[in-house]
Amino acid sequence: MSEQQEQAGRTHTVRPRWTWVGLLVMLVGLVLVGIGISLTTWTWAVPGLVLFAVGGGVALYGGLIYDVRGGSSARAQMQEVVEGREYEFPGAGTKRSEEELKQDVRRRWLDDDEQ
């Protein structure tokens, strides 16, 4: 029983700003690795590998694995990055009551005047 209670409180923090910054750093790292491979030199490849690893760490810190919200426009995602928003999502195996789910749906999807 205590295991269920422990799972109910687990959440994951998603930070879109950190996620996008990490992905961009990883992309720069991949470009440097590509340049290093095409020039057959470690001078470009090693910093590229380091940037790729650092970018991966930053993206994981930002919650890349848990950032699964869909349906938002590019403008909305950019606004989240600019404002530095953070979101909490329930962990895997989390169980919620039906009443809690209904409240969450109303809060997220229905306009204030429809509640």
PDB file of N, CA and C in Angstrom:
ATOM      1  N   MET A   1       0.816  -1.192   0.000  1.00  0.00           N
ATOM      2  CA  MET A   1       0.000   0.000   0.000  1.00  0.00           C
ATOM      3  C   MET A   1       0.859   1.256   0.000  1.00  0.00           C
ATOM      4  N   SER A   2       1.944   1.240   0.755  1.00  0.00           N
ATOM      5  CA  SER A   2       2.806   2.420   0.790  1.00  0.00           C
ATOM      6  C   SER A   2       3.475   2.656  -0.561  1.00  0.00           C
ATOM      7  N   GLU A   3       3.670   1.590  -1.333  1.00  0.00           N
ATOM      8  CA  GLU A   3       4.250   1.751  -2.670  1.00  0.00           C
ATOM      9  C   GLU A   3       3.312   2.536  -3.574  1.00  0.00           C
ATOM     10  N   GLN A   4       1.991   2.281  -3.470  1.00  0.00           N
ATOM     11  CA  GLN A   4       1.029   3.035  -4.261  1.00  0.00           C
ATOM     12  C   GLN A   4       0.999   4.497  -3.850  1.00  0.00           C
ATOM     13  N   GLN A   5       1.073   4.758  -2.558  1.00  0.00           N
ATOM     14  CA  GLN A   5       1.084   6.130  -2.080  1.00  0.00           C
ATOM     15  C   GLN A   5       2.334   6.852  -2.555  1.00  0.00           C
ATOM     16  N   GLU A   6       3.451   6.136  -2.566  1.00  0.00           N
ATOM     17  CA  GLU A   6       4.708   6.731  -3.018  1.00  0.00           C
ATOM     18  C   GLU A   6       4.636   7.077  -4.502  1.00  0.00           C
ATOM     19  N   GLN A   7       4.030   6.184  -5.317  1.00  0.00           N
ATOM     20  CA  GLN A   7       3.914   6.437  -6.743  1.00  0.00           C
ATOM     21  C   GLN A   7       2.968   7.587  -7.038  1.00  0.00           C
ATOM     22  N   ALA A   8       1.933   7.752  -6.202  1.00  0.00           N
ATOM     23  CA  ALA A   8       0.942   8.787  -6.455  1.00  0.00           C
ATOM     24  C   ALA A   8       1.552  10.179  -6.391  1.00  0.00           C
ATOM     25  N   GLY A   9       2.601  10.372  -5.604  1.00  0.00           N
ATOM     26  CA  GLY A   9       3.193  11.683  -5.458  1.00  0.00           C
ATOM     27  C   GLY A   9       4.337  11.974  -6.398  1.00  0.00           C
ATOM     28  N   ARG A  10       4.758  11.006  -7.205  1.00  0.00           N
ATOM     29  CA  ARG A  10       5.894  11.215  -8.096  1.00  0.00           C
ATOM     30  C   ARG A  10       5.501  12.070  -9.283  1.00  0.00           C
ATOM     31  N   THR A  11       6.283  13.099  -9.510  1.00  0.00           N
ATOM     32  CA  THR A  11       6.056  13.945 -10.676  1.00  0.00           C
ATOM     33  C   THR A  11       7.381  14.182 -11.386  1.00  0.00           C
ATOM     34  N   HIS A  12       7.277  14.639 -12.607  1.00  0.00           N
ATOM     35  CA  HIS A  12       8.450  14.982 -13.406  1.00  0.00           C
ATOM     36  C   HIS A  12       8.333  16.436 -13.823  1.00  0.00           C
ATOM     37  N   THR A  13       9.398  17.166 -13.650  1.00  0.00           N
ATOM     38  CA  THR A  13       9.410  18.575 -14.030  1.00  0.00           C
ATOM     39  C   THR A  13       9.901  18.710 -15.463  1.00  0.00           C
ATOM     40  N   VAL A  14       9.165  19.470 -16.251  1.00  0.00           N
ATOM     41  CA  VAL A  14       9.544  19.737 -17.641  1.00  0.00           C
ATOM     42  C   VAL A  14       9.816  21.224 -17.766  1.00  0.00           C
ATOM     43  N   ARG A  15      11.005  21.543 -18.260  1.00  0.00           N
ATOM     44  CA  ARG A  15      11.426  22.925 -18.459  1.00  0.00           C
ATOM     45  C   ARG A  15      11.710  23.127 -19.943  1.00  0.00           C
ATOM     46  N   PRO A  16      10.726  23.657 -20.685  1.00  0.00           N
ATOM     47  CA  PRO A  16      10.899  23.780 -22.148  1.00  0.00           C
ATOM     48  C   PRO A  16      12.128  24.584 -22.550  1.00  0.00           C
ATOM     49  N   ARG A  17      12.479  25.635 -21.799  1.00  0.00           N
ATOM     50  CA  ARG A  17      13.659  26.443 -22.155  1.00  0.00           C
ATOM     51  C   ARG A  17      14.908  25.579 -22.140  1.00  0.00           C
ATOM     52  N   TRP A  18      15.095  24.811 -21.071  1.00  0.00           N
ATOM     53  CA  TRP A  18      16.284  23.960 -20.962  1.00  0.00           C
ATOM     54  C   TRP A  18      16.270  22.866 -22.021  1.00  0.00           C
ATOM     55  N   THR A  19      15.096  22.346 -22.315  1.00  0.00           N
ATOM     56  CA  THR A  19      14.999  21.298 -23.326  1.00  0.00           C
ATOM     57  C   THR A  19      15.447  21.811 -24.691  1.00  0.00           C
ATOM     58  N   TRP A  20      14.944  22.971 -25.099  1.00  0.00           N
ATOM     59  CA  TRP A  20      15.307  23.525 -26.412  1.00  0.00           C
ATOM     60  C   TRP A  20      16.763  23.948 -26.467  1.00  0.00           C
ATOM     61  N   VAL A  21      17.276  24.542 -25.390  1.00  0.00           N
ATOM     62  CA  VAL A  21      18.695  24.919 -25.368  1.00  0.00           C
ATOM     63  C   VAL A  21      19.562  23.670 -25.504  1.00  0.00           C
ATOM     64  N   GLY A  22      19.212  22.620 -24.777  1.00  0.00           N
ATOM     65  CA  GLY A  22      19.967  21.371 -24.865  1.00  0.00           C
ATOM     66  C   GLY A  22      19.947  20.781 -26.263  1.00  0.00           C
ATOM     67  N   LEU A  23      18.786  20.819 -26.905  1.00  0.00           N
ATOM     68  CA  LEU A  23      18.700  20.289 -28.276  1.00  0.00           C
ATOM     69  C   LEU A  23      19.537  21.108 -29.255  1.00  0.00           C
ATOM     70  N   LEU A  24      19.532  22.429 -29.082  1.00  0.00           N
ATOM     71  CA  LEU A  24      20.361  23.269 -29.960  1.00  0.00           C
ATOM     72  C   LEU A  24      21.855  23.013 -29.756  1.00  0.00           C
ATOM     73  N   VAL A  25      22.265  22.845 -28.500  1.00  0.00           N
ATOM     74  CA  VAL A  25      23.683  22.551 -28.219  1.00  0.00           C
ATOM     75  C   VAL A  25      24.057  21.198 -28.809  1.00  0.00           C
ATOM     76  N   MET A  26      23.147  20.218 -28.704  1.00  0.00           N
ATOM     77  CA  MET A  26      23.412  18.916 -29.312  1.00  0.00           C
ATOM     78  C   MET A  26      23.551  19.034 -30.825  1.00  0.00           C
ATOM     79  N   LEU A  27      22.719  19.857 -31.436  1.00  0.00           N
ATOM     80  CA  LEU A  27      22.792  20.053 -32.888  1.00  0.00           C
ATOM     81  C   LEU A  27      24.124  20.676 -33.299  1.00  0.00           C
ATOM     82  N   VAL A  28      24.579  21.680 -32.552  1.00  0.00           N
ATOM     83  CA  VAL A  28      25.884  22.296 -32.835  1.00  0.00           C
ATOM     84  C   VAL A  28      26.988  21.250 -32.682  1.00  0.00           C
ATOM     85  N   GLY A  29      26.870  20.419 -31.657  1.00  0.00           N
ATOM     86  CA  GLY A  29      27.853  19.352 -31.458  1.00  0.00           C
ATOM     87  C   GLY A  29      27.884  18.388 -32.626  1.00  0.00           C
ATOM     88  N   LEU A  30      26.710  18.023 -33.133  1.00  0.00           N
ATOM     89  CA  LEU A  30      26.668  17.118 -34.280  1.00  0.00           C
ATOM     90  C   LEU A  30      27.278  17.753 -35.524  1.00  0.00           C
ATOM     91  N   VAL A  31      27.050  19.042 -35.713  1.00  0.00           N
ATOM     92  CA  VAL A  31      27.650  19.738 -36.865  1.00  0.00           C
ATOM     93  C   VAL A  31      29.173  19.705 -36.748  1.00  0.00           C
ATOM     94  N   LEU A  32      29.684  19.981 -35.546  1.00  0.00           N
ATOM     95  CA  LEU A  32      31.142  19.943 -35.355  1.00  0.00           C
ATOM     96  C   LEU A  32      31.702  18.543 -35.572  1.00  0.00           C
ATOM     97  N   VAL A  33      30.986  17.525 -35.115  1.00  0.00           N
ATOM     98  CA  VAL A  33      31.441  16.153 -35.358  1.00  0.00           C
ATOM     99  C   VAL A  33      31.446  15.870 -36.857  1.00  0.00           C
ATOM    100  N   GLY A  34      30.424  16.315 -37.553  1.00  0.00           N
ATOM    101  CA  GLY A  34      30.373  16.121 -39.009  1.00  0.00           C
ATOM    102  C   GLY A  34      31.522  16.811 -39.714  1.00  0.00           C
ATOM    103  N   ILE A  35      31.843  18.030 -39.279  1.00  0.00           N
ATOM    104  CA  ILE A  35      32.995  18.742 -39.860  1.00  0.00           C
ATOM    105  C   ILE A  35      34.282  17.982 -39.569  1.00  0.00           C
ATOM    106  N   GLY A  36      34.402  17.501 -38.334  1.00  0.00           N
ATOM    107  CA  GLY A  36      35.600  16.737 -37.966  1.00  0.00           C
ATOM    108  C   GLY A  36      35.752  15.467 -38.779  1.00  0.00           C
ATOM    109  N   ILE A  37      34.641  14.791 -39.031  1.00  0.00           N
ATOM    110  CA  ILE A  37      34.695  13.565 -39.830  1.00  0.00           C
ATOM    111  C   ILE A  37      35.054  13.884 -41.275  1.00  0.00           C
ATOM    112  N   SER A  38      34.433  14.932 -41.831  1.00  0.00           N
ATOM    113  CA  SER A  38      34.716  15.251 -43.226  1.00  0.00           C
ATOM    114  C   SER A  38      36.145  15.741 -43.429  1.00  0.00           C
ATOM    115  N   LEU A  39      36.706  16.406 -42.420  1.00  0.00           N
ATOM    116  CA  LEU A  39      38.097  16.870 -42.518  1.00  0.00           C
ATOM    117  C   LEU A  39      39.088  15.858 -41.955  1.00  0.00           C
ATOM    118  N   THR A  40      38.572  14.744 -41.456  1.00  0.00           N
ATOM    119  CA  THR A  40      39.365  13.692 -40.805  1.00  0.00           C
ATOM    120  C   THR A  40      40.327  14.273 -39.777  1.00  0.00           C
ATOM    121  N   THR A  41      39.769  15.069 -38.866  1.00  0.00           N
ATOM    122  CA  THR A  41      40.577  15.653 -37.809  1.00  0.00           C
ATOM    123  C   THR A  41      39.818  15.584 -36.485  1.00  0.00           C
ATOM    124  N   TRP A  42      40.549  15.289 -35.417  1.00  0.00           N
ATOM    125  CA  TRP A  42      39.959  15.240 -34.086  1.00  0.00           C
ATOM    126  C   TRP A  42      39.776  16.646 -33.511  1.00  0.00           C
ATOM    127  N   THR A  43      40.392  17.627 -34.115  1.00  0.00           N
ATOM    128  CA  THR A  43      40.318  18.997 -33.615  1.00  0.00           C
ATOM    129  C   THR A  43      38.878  19.504 -33.596  1.00  0.00           C
ATOM    130  N   TRP A  44      38.073  19.091 -34.540  1.00  0.00           N
ATOM    131  CA  TRP A  44      36.675  19.486 -34.590  1.00  0.00           C
ATOM    132  C   TRP A  44      35.764  18.437 -33.960  1.00  0.00           C
ATOM    133  N   ALA A  45      36.140  17.175 -34.071  1.00  0.00           N
ATOM    134  CA  ALA A  45      35.268  16.092 -33.612  1.00  0.00           C
ATOM    135  C   ALA A  45      35.170  16.035 -32.083  1.00  0.00           C
ATOM    136  N   VAL A  46      36.269  16.206 -31.386  1.00  0.00           N
ATOM    137  CA  VAL A  46      36.249  16.097 -29.919  1.00  0.00           C
ATOM    138  C   VAL A  46      35.393  17.198 -29.284  1.00  0.00           C
ATOM    139  N   PRO A  47      35.584  18.467 -29.639  1.00  0.00           N
ATOM    140  CA  PRO A  47      34.673  19.479 -29.072  1.00  0.00           C
ATOM    141  C   PRO A  47      33.209  19.224 -29.447  1.00  0.00           C
ATOM    142  N   GLY A  48      32.994  18.676 -30.634  1.00  0.00           N
ATOM    143  CA  GLY A  48      31.636  18.336 -31.034  1.00  0.00           C
ATOM    144  C   GLY A  48      31.027  17.258 -30.156  1.00  0.00           C
ATOM    145  N   LEU A  49      31.828  16.243 -29.838  1.00  0.00           N
ATOM    146  CA  LEU A  49      31.353  15.186 -28.948  1.00  0.00           C
ATOM    147  C   LEU A  49      31.068  15.726 -27.548  1.00  0.00           C
ATOM    148  N   VAL A  50      31.944  16.617 -27.082  1.00  0.00           N
ATOM    149  CA  VAL A  50      31.734  17.222 -25.758  1.00  0.00           C
ATOM    150  C   VAL A  50      30.446  18.051 -25.756  1.00  0.00           C
ATOM    151  N   LEU A  51      30.255  18.868 -26.780  1.00  0.00           N
ATOM    152  CA  LEU A  51      29.033  19.671 -26.866  1.00  0.00           C
ATOM    153  C   LEU A  51      27.789  18.786 -26.965  1.00  0.00           C
ATOM    154  N   PHE A  52      27.893  17.705 -27.704  1.00  0.00           N
ATOM    155  CA  PHE A  52      26.761  16.794 -27.825  1.00  0.00           C
ATOM    156  C   PHE A  52      26.407  16.197 -26.466  1.00  0.00           C
ATOM    157  N   ALA A  53      27.409  15.783 -25.711  1.00  0.00           N
ATOM    158  CA  ALA A  53      27.166  15.202 -24.384  1.00  0.00           C
ATOM    159  C   ALA A  53      26.595  16.243 -23.420  1.00  0.00           C
ATOM    160  N   VAL A  54      27.162  17.453 -23.430  1.00  0.00           N
ATOM    161  CA  VAL A  54      26.660  18.513 -22.553  1.00  0.00           C
ATOM    162  C   VAL A  54      25.221  18.876 -22.929  1.00  0.00           C
ATOM    163  N   GLY A  55      24.956  18.998 -24.215  1.00  0.00           N
ATOM    164  CA  GLY A  55      23.596  19.294 -24.669  1.00  0.00           C
ATOM    165  C   GLY A  55      22.615  18.207 -24.267  1.00  0.00           C
ATOM    166  N   GLY A  56      23.040  16.965 -24.332  1.00  0.00           N
ATOM    167  CA  GLY A  56      22.184  15.868 -23.887  1.00  0.00           C
ATOM    168  C   GLY A  56      21.871  15.955 -22.408  1.00  0.00           C
ATOM    169  N   GLY A  57      22.888  16.297 -21.616  1.00  0.00           N
ATOM    170  CA  GLY A  57      22.662  16.466 -20.182  1.00  0.00           C
ATOM    171  C   GLY A  57      21.702  17.609 -19.885  1.00  0.00           C
ATOM    172  N   VAL A  58      21.874  18.722 -20.585  1.00  0.00           N
ATOM    173  CA  VAL A  58      20.986  19.877 -20.397  1.00  0.00           C
ATOM    174  C   VAL A  58      19.559  19.520 -20.807  1.00  0.00           C
ATOM    175  N   ALA A  59      19.401  18.827 -21.929  1.00  0.00           N
ATOM    176  CA  ALA A  59      18.070  18.435 -22.391  1.00  0.00           C
ATOM    177  C   ALA A  59      17.408  17.465 -21.412  1.00  0.00           C
ATOM    178  N   LEU A  60      18.176  16.541 -20.858  1.00  0.00           N
ATOM    179  CA  LEU A  60      17.618  15.631 -19.860  1.00  0.00           C
ATOM    180  C   LEU A  60      17.207  16.380 -18.602  1.00  0.00           C
ATOM    181  N   TYR A  61      18.019  17.344 -18.178  1.00  0.00           N
ATOM    182  CA  TYR A  61      17.653  18.176 -17.032  1.00  0.00           C
ATOM    183  C   TYR A  61      16.349  18.925 -17.312  1.00  0.00           C
ATOM    184  N   GLY A  62      16.163  19.354 -18.541  1.00  0.00           N
ATOM    185  CA  GLY A  62      14.951  20.063 -18.934  1.00  0.00           C
ATOM    186  C   GLY A  62      13.723  19.178 -19.030  1.00  0.00           C
ATOM    187  N   GLY A  63      13.908  17.883 -18.944  1.00  0.00           N
ATOM    188  CA  GLY A  63      12.776  16.962 -19.000  1.00  0.00           C
ATOM    189  C   GLY A  63      12.452  16.492 -20.397  1.00  0.00           C
ATOM    190  N   LEU A  64      13.452  16.378 -21.244  1.00  0.00           N
ATOM    191  CA  LEU A  64      13.250  15.972 -22.630  1.00  0.00           C
ATOM    192  C   LEU A  64      12.440  14.685 -22.740  1.00  0.00           C
ATOM    193  N   ILE A  65      12.711  13.727 -21.892  1.00  0.00           N
ATOM    194  CA  ILE A  65      12.028  12.437 -21.968  1.00  0.00           C
ATOM    195  C   ILE A  65      10.548  12.577 -21.629  1.00  0.00           C
ATOM    196  N   TYR A  66      10.205  13.518 -20.754  1.00  0.00           N
ATOM    197  CA  TYR A  66       8.828  13.651 -20.285  1.00  0.00           C
ATOM    198  C   TYR A  66       8.064  14.755 -20.993  1.00  0.00           C
ATOM    199  N   ASP A  67       8.688  15.475 -21.900  1.00  0.00           N
ATOM    200  CA  ASP A  67       8.050  16.588 -22.583  1.00  0.00           C
ATOM    201  C   ASP A  67       7.203  16.048 -23.732  1.00  0.00           C
ATOM    202  N   VAL A  68       6.006  15.593 -23.403  1.00  0.00           N
ATOM    203  CA  VAL A  68       5.169  14.914 -24.386  1.00  0.00           C
ATOM    204  C   VAL A  68       3.876  15.673 -24.682  1.00  0.00           C
ATOM    205  N   ARG A  69       3.785  16.896 -24.238  1.00  0.00           N
ATOM    206  CA  ARG A  69       2.575  17.662 -24.500  1.00  0.00           C
ATOM    207  C   ARG A  69       2.482  17.925 -25.992  1.00  0.00           C
ATOM    208  N   GLY A  70       1.355  17.647 -26.551  1.00  0.00           N
ATOM    209  CA  GLY A  70       1.181  17.860 -27.974  1.00  0.00           C
ATOM    210  C   GLY A  70       0.101  18.886 -28.249  1.00  0.00           C
ATOM    211  N   GLY A  71      -0.007  19.254 -29.487  1.00  0.00           N
ATOM    212  CA  GLY A  71      -1.093  20.117 -29.904  1.00  0.00           C
ATOM    213  C   GLY A  71      -0.850  21.602 -29.727  1.00  0.00           C
ATOM    214  N   SER A  72       0.300  21.989 -29.205  1.00  0.00           N
ATOM    215  CA  SER A  72       0.534  23.426 -29.069  1.00  0.00           C
ATOM    216  C   SER A  72       1.269  23.937 -30.307  1.00  0.00           C
ATOM    217  N   SER A  73       0.990  25.171 -30.636  1.00  0.00           N
ATOM    218  CA  SER A  73       1.592  25.761 -31.832  1.00  0.00           C
ATOM    219  C   SER A  73       3.047  26.130 -31.563  1.00  0.00           C
ATOM    220  N   ALA A  74       3.759  26.423 -32.621  1.00  0.00           N
ATOM    221  CA  ALA A  74       5.155  26.848 -32.482  1.00  0.00           C
ATOM    222  C   ALA A  74       5.229  28.156 -31.697  1.00  0.00           C
ATOM    223  N   ARG A  75       4.260  29.043 -31.912  1.00  0.00           N
ATOM    224  CA  ARG A  75       4.227  30.315 -31.183  1.00  0.00           C
ATOM    225  C   ARG A  75       4.046  30.076 -29.678  1.00  0.00           C
ATOM    226  N   ALA A  76       3.164  29.137 -29.306  1.00  0.00           N
ATOM    227  CA  ALA A  76       2.936  28.835 -27.890  1.00  0.00           C
ATOM    228  C   ALA A  76       4.184  28.221 -27.269  1.00  0.00           C
ATOM    229  N   GLN A  77       4.857  27.355 -28.006  1.00  0.00           N
ATOM    230  CA  GLN A  77       6.079  26.758 -27.485  1.00  0.00           C
ATOM    231  C   GLN A  77       7.168  27.808 -27.320  1.00  0.00           C
ATOM    232  N   MET A  78       7.271  28.727 -28.261  1.00  0.00           N
ATOM    233  CA  MET A  78       8.270  29.792 -28.158  1.00  0.00           C
ATOM    234  C   MET A  78       7.975  30.689 -26.957  1.00  0.00           C
ATOM    235  N   GLN A  79       6.697  30.961 -26.715  1.00  0.00           N
ATOM    236  CA  GLN A  79       6.313  31.770 -25.557  1.00  0.00           C
ATOM    237  C   GLN A  79       6.724  31.077 -24.258  1.00  0.00           C
ATOM    238  N   GLU A  80       6.583  29.764 -24.193  1.00  0.00           N
ATOM    239  CA  GLU A  80       6.997  29.007 -23.012  1.00  0.00           C
ATOM    240  C   GLU A  80       8.496  29.119 -22.793  1.00  0.00           C
ATOM    241  N   VAL A  81       9.255  29.080 -23.878  1.00  0.00           N
ATOM    242  CA  VAL A  81      10.713  29.194 -23.774  1.00  0.00           C
ATOM    243  C   VAL A  81      11.095  30.579 -23.289  1.00  0.00           C
ATOM    244  N   VAL A  82      10.477  31.609 -23.860  1.00  0.00           N
ATOM    245  CA  VAL A  82      10.799  32.985 -23.487  1.00  0.00           C
ATOM    246  C   VAL A  82      10.469  33.240 -22.019  1.00  0.00           C
ATOM    247  N   GLU A  83       9.325  32.741 -21.574  1.00  0.00           N
ATOM    248  CA  GLU A  83       8.898  32.979 -20.196  1.00  0.00           C
ATOM    249  C   GLU A  83       9.567  32.047 -19.197  1.00  0.00           C
ATOM    250  N   GLY A  84      10.202  30.988 -19.662  1.00  0.00           N
ATOM    251  CA  GLY A  84      10.887  30.059 -18.763  1.00  0.00           C
ATOM    252  C   GLY A  84       9.933  29.256 -17.899  1.00  0.00           C
ATOM    253  N   ARG A  85       8.818  28.866 -18.456  1.00  0.00           N
ATOM    254  CA  ARG A  85       7.823  28.113 -17.693  1.00  0.00           C
ATOM    255  C   ARG A  85       8.324  26.729 -17.325  1.00  0.00           C
ATOM    256  N   GLU A  86       7.752  26.199 -16.250  1.00  0.00           N
ATOM    257  CA  GLU A  86       8.017  24.835 -15.816  1.00  0.00           C
ATOM    258  C   GLU A  86       6.688  24.140 -15.596  1.00  0.00           C
ATOM    259  N   TYR A  87       6.642  22.837 -15.895  1.00  0.00           N
ATOM    260  CA  TYR A  87       5.427  22.054 -15.739  1.00  0.00           C
ATOM    261  C   TYR A  87       5.738  20.807 -14.935  1.00  0.00           C
ATOM    262  N   GLU A  88       4.769  20.375 -14.156  1.00  0.00           N
ATOM    263  CA  GLU A  88       4.872  19.131 -13.398  1.00  0.00           C
ATOM    264  C   GLU A  88       3.920  18.121 -14.023  1.00  0.00           C
ATOM    265  N   PHE A  89       4.446  16.954 -14.354  1.00  0.00           N
ATOM    266  CA  PHE A  89       3.623  15.891 -14.902  1.00  0.00           C
ATOM    267  C   PHE A  89       3.716  14.676 -13.989  1.00  0.00           C
ATOM    268  N   PRO A  90       2.632  13.930 -13.850  1.00  0.00           N
ATOM    269  CA  PRO A  90       2.675  12.747 -12.987  1.00  0.00           C
ATOM    270  C   PRO A  90       3.593  11.679 -13.562  1.00  0.00           C
ATOM    271  N   GLY A  91       4.226  10.940 -12.674  1.00  0.00           N
ATOM    272  CA  GLY A  91       5.119   9.872 -13.092  1.00  0.00           C
ATOM    273  C   GLY A  91       4.352   8.667 -13.603  1.00  0.00           C
ATOM    274  N   ALA A  92       5.077   7.754 -14.208  1.00  0.00           N
ATOM    275  CA  ALA A  92       4.468   6.531 -14.724  1.00  0.00           C
ATOM    276  C   ALA A  92       3.893   5.721 -13.568  1.00  0.00           C
ATOM    277  N   GLY A  93       2.758   5.131 -13.787  1.00  0.00           N
ATOM    278  CA  GLY A  93       2.129   4.308 -12.756  1.00  0.00           C
ATOM    279  C   GLY A  93       1.316   5.103 -11.752  1.00  0.00           C
ATOM    280  N   THR A  94       1.223   6.407 -11.932  1.00  0.00           N
ATOM    281  CA  THR A  94       0.450   7.231 -11.020  1.00  0.00           C
ATOM    282  C   THR A  94      -1.034   6.982 -11.249  1.00  0.00           C
ATOM    283  N   LYS A  95      -1.754   6.807 -10.156  1.00  0.00           N
ATOM    284  CA  LYS A  95      -3.191   6.567 -10.245  1.00  0.00           C
ATOM    285  C   LYS A  95      -3.915   7.778  -9.683  1.00  0.00           C
ATOM    286  N   ARG A  96      -4.965   8.207 -10.398  1.00  0.00           N
ATOM    287  CA  ARG A  96      -5.743   9.364  -9.966  1.00  0.00           C
ATOM    288  C   ARG A  96      -7.208   8.983  -9.927  1.00  0.00           C
ATOM    289  N   SER A  97      -7.935   9.640  -9.049  1.00  0.00           N
ATOM    290  CA  SER A  97      -9.368   9.364  -8.953  1.00  0.00           C
ATOM    291  C   SER A  97     -10.084   9.983 -10.146  1.00  0.00           C
ATOM    292  N   GLU A  98     -11.297   9.475 -10.406  1.00  0.00           N
ATOM    293  CA  GLU A  98     -12.074   9.986 -11.532  1.00  0.00           C
ATOM    294  C   GLU A  98     -12.428  11.450 -11.319  1.00  0.00           C
ATOM    295  N   GLU A  99     -12.750  11.817 -10.100  1.00  0.00           N
ATOM    296  CA  GLU A  99     -13.102  13.210  -9.810  1.00  0.00           C
ATOM    297  C   GLU A  99     -11.906  14.137 -10.050  1.00  0.00           C
ATOM    298  N   GLU A 100     -10.723  13.698  -9.662  1.00  0.00           N
ATOM    299  CA  GLU A 100      -9.514  14.494  -9.893  1.00  0.00           C
ATOM    300  C   GLU A 100      -9.252  14.671 -11.385  1.00  0.00           C
ATOM    301  N   LEU A 101      -9.481  13.623 -12.166  1.00  0.00           N
ATOM    302  CA  LEU A 101      -9.301  13.710 -13.619  1.00  0.00           C
ATOM    303  C   LEU A 101     -10.293  14.683 -14.235  1.00  0.00           C
ATOM    304  N   LYS A 102     -11.547  14.624 -13.798  1.00  0.00           N
ATOM    305  CA  LYS A 102     -12.553  15.543 -14.333  1.00  0.00           C
ATOM    306  C   LYS A 102     -12.188  16.995 -14.023  1.00  0.00           C
ATOM    307  N   GLN A 103     -11.719  17.251 -12.824  1.00  0.00           N
ATOM    308  CA  GLN A 103     -11.316  18.605 -12.456  1.00  0.00           C
ATOM    309  C   GLN A 103     -10.139  19.073 -13.305  1.00  0.00           C
ATOM    310  N   ASP A 104      -9.188  18.166 -13.538  1.00  0.00           N
ATOM    311  CA  ASP A 104      -8.019  18.514 -14.332  1.00  0.00           C
ATOM    312  C   ASP A 104      -8.411  18.832 -15.777  1.00  0.00           C
ATOM    313  N   VAL A 105      -9.322  18.036 -16.333  1.00  0.00           N
ATOM    314  CA  VAL A 105      -9.781  18.289 -17.703  1.00  0.00           C
ATOM    315  C   VAL A 105     -10.490  19.631 -17.774  1.00  0.00           C
ATOM    316  N   ARG A 106     -11.347  19.914 -16.819  1.00  0.00           N
ATOM    317  CA  ARG A 106     -12.043  21.206 -16.821  1.00  0.00           C
ATOM    318  C   ARG A 106     -11.052  22.361 -16.733  1.00  0.00           C
ATOM    319  N   ARG A 107     -10.071  22.214 -15.859  1.00  0.00           N
ATOM    320  CA  ARG A 107      -9.084  23.276 -15.664  1.00  0.00           C
ATOM    321  C   ARG A 107      -8.262  23.504 -16.932  1.00  0.00           C
ATOM    322  N   ARG A 108      -7.872  22.425 -17.615  1.00  0.00           N
ATOM    323  CA  ARG A 108      -6.980  22.555 -18.771  1.00  0.00           C
ATOM    324  C   ARG A 108      -7.693  22.908 -20.064  1.00  0.00           C
ATOM    325  N   TRP A 109      -8.891  22.359 -20.284  1.00  0.00           N
ATOM    326  CA  TRP A 109      -9.474  22.436 -21.613  1.00  0.00           C
ATOM    327  C   TRP A 109     -10.722  23.282 -21.738  1.00  0.00           C
ATOM    328  N   LEU A 110     -11.425  23.491 -20.662  1.00  0.00           N
ATOM    329  CA  LEU A 110     -12.653  24.266 -20.766  1.00  0.00           C
ATOM    330  C   LEU A 110     -12.388  25.713 -20.402  1.00  0.00           C
ATOM    331  N   ASP A 111     -13.070  26.606 -21.071  1.00  0.00           N
ATOM    332  CA  ASP A 111     -12.936  28.025 -20.759  1.00  0.00           C
ATOM    333  C   ASP A 111     -13.513  28.301 -19.391  1.00  0.00           C
ATOM    334  N   ASP A 112     -13.108  29.399 -18.780  1.00  0.00           N
ATOM    335  CA  ASP A 112     -13.604  29.767 -17.460  1.00  0.00           C
ATOM    336  C   ASP A 112     -15.112  29.952 -17.446  1.00  0.00           C
ATOM    337  N   ASP A 113     -15.686  30.465 -18.514  1.00  0.00           N
ATOM    338  CA  ASP A 113     -17.119  30.714 -18.553  1.00  0.00           C
ATOM    339  C   ASP A 113     -17.933  29.431 -18.709  1.00  0.00           C
ATOM    340  N   GLU A 114     -17.301  28.325 -19.107  1.00  0.00           N
ATOM    341  CA  GLU A 114     -18.025  27.057 -19.269  1.00  0.00           C
ATOM    342  C   GLU A 114     -18.027  26.224 -18.014  1.00  0.00           C
ATOM    343  N   GLN A 115     -17.214  26.536 -17.035  1.00  0.00           N
ATOM    344  CA  GLN A 115     -17.140  25.718 -15.818  1.00  0.00           C
ATOM    345  C   GLN A 115     -18.315  25.940 -15.000  1.00  0.00           C
TER     346      GLN A 115
END
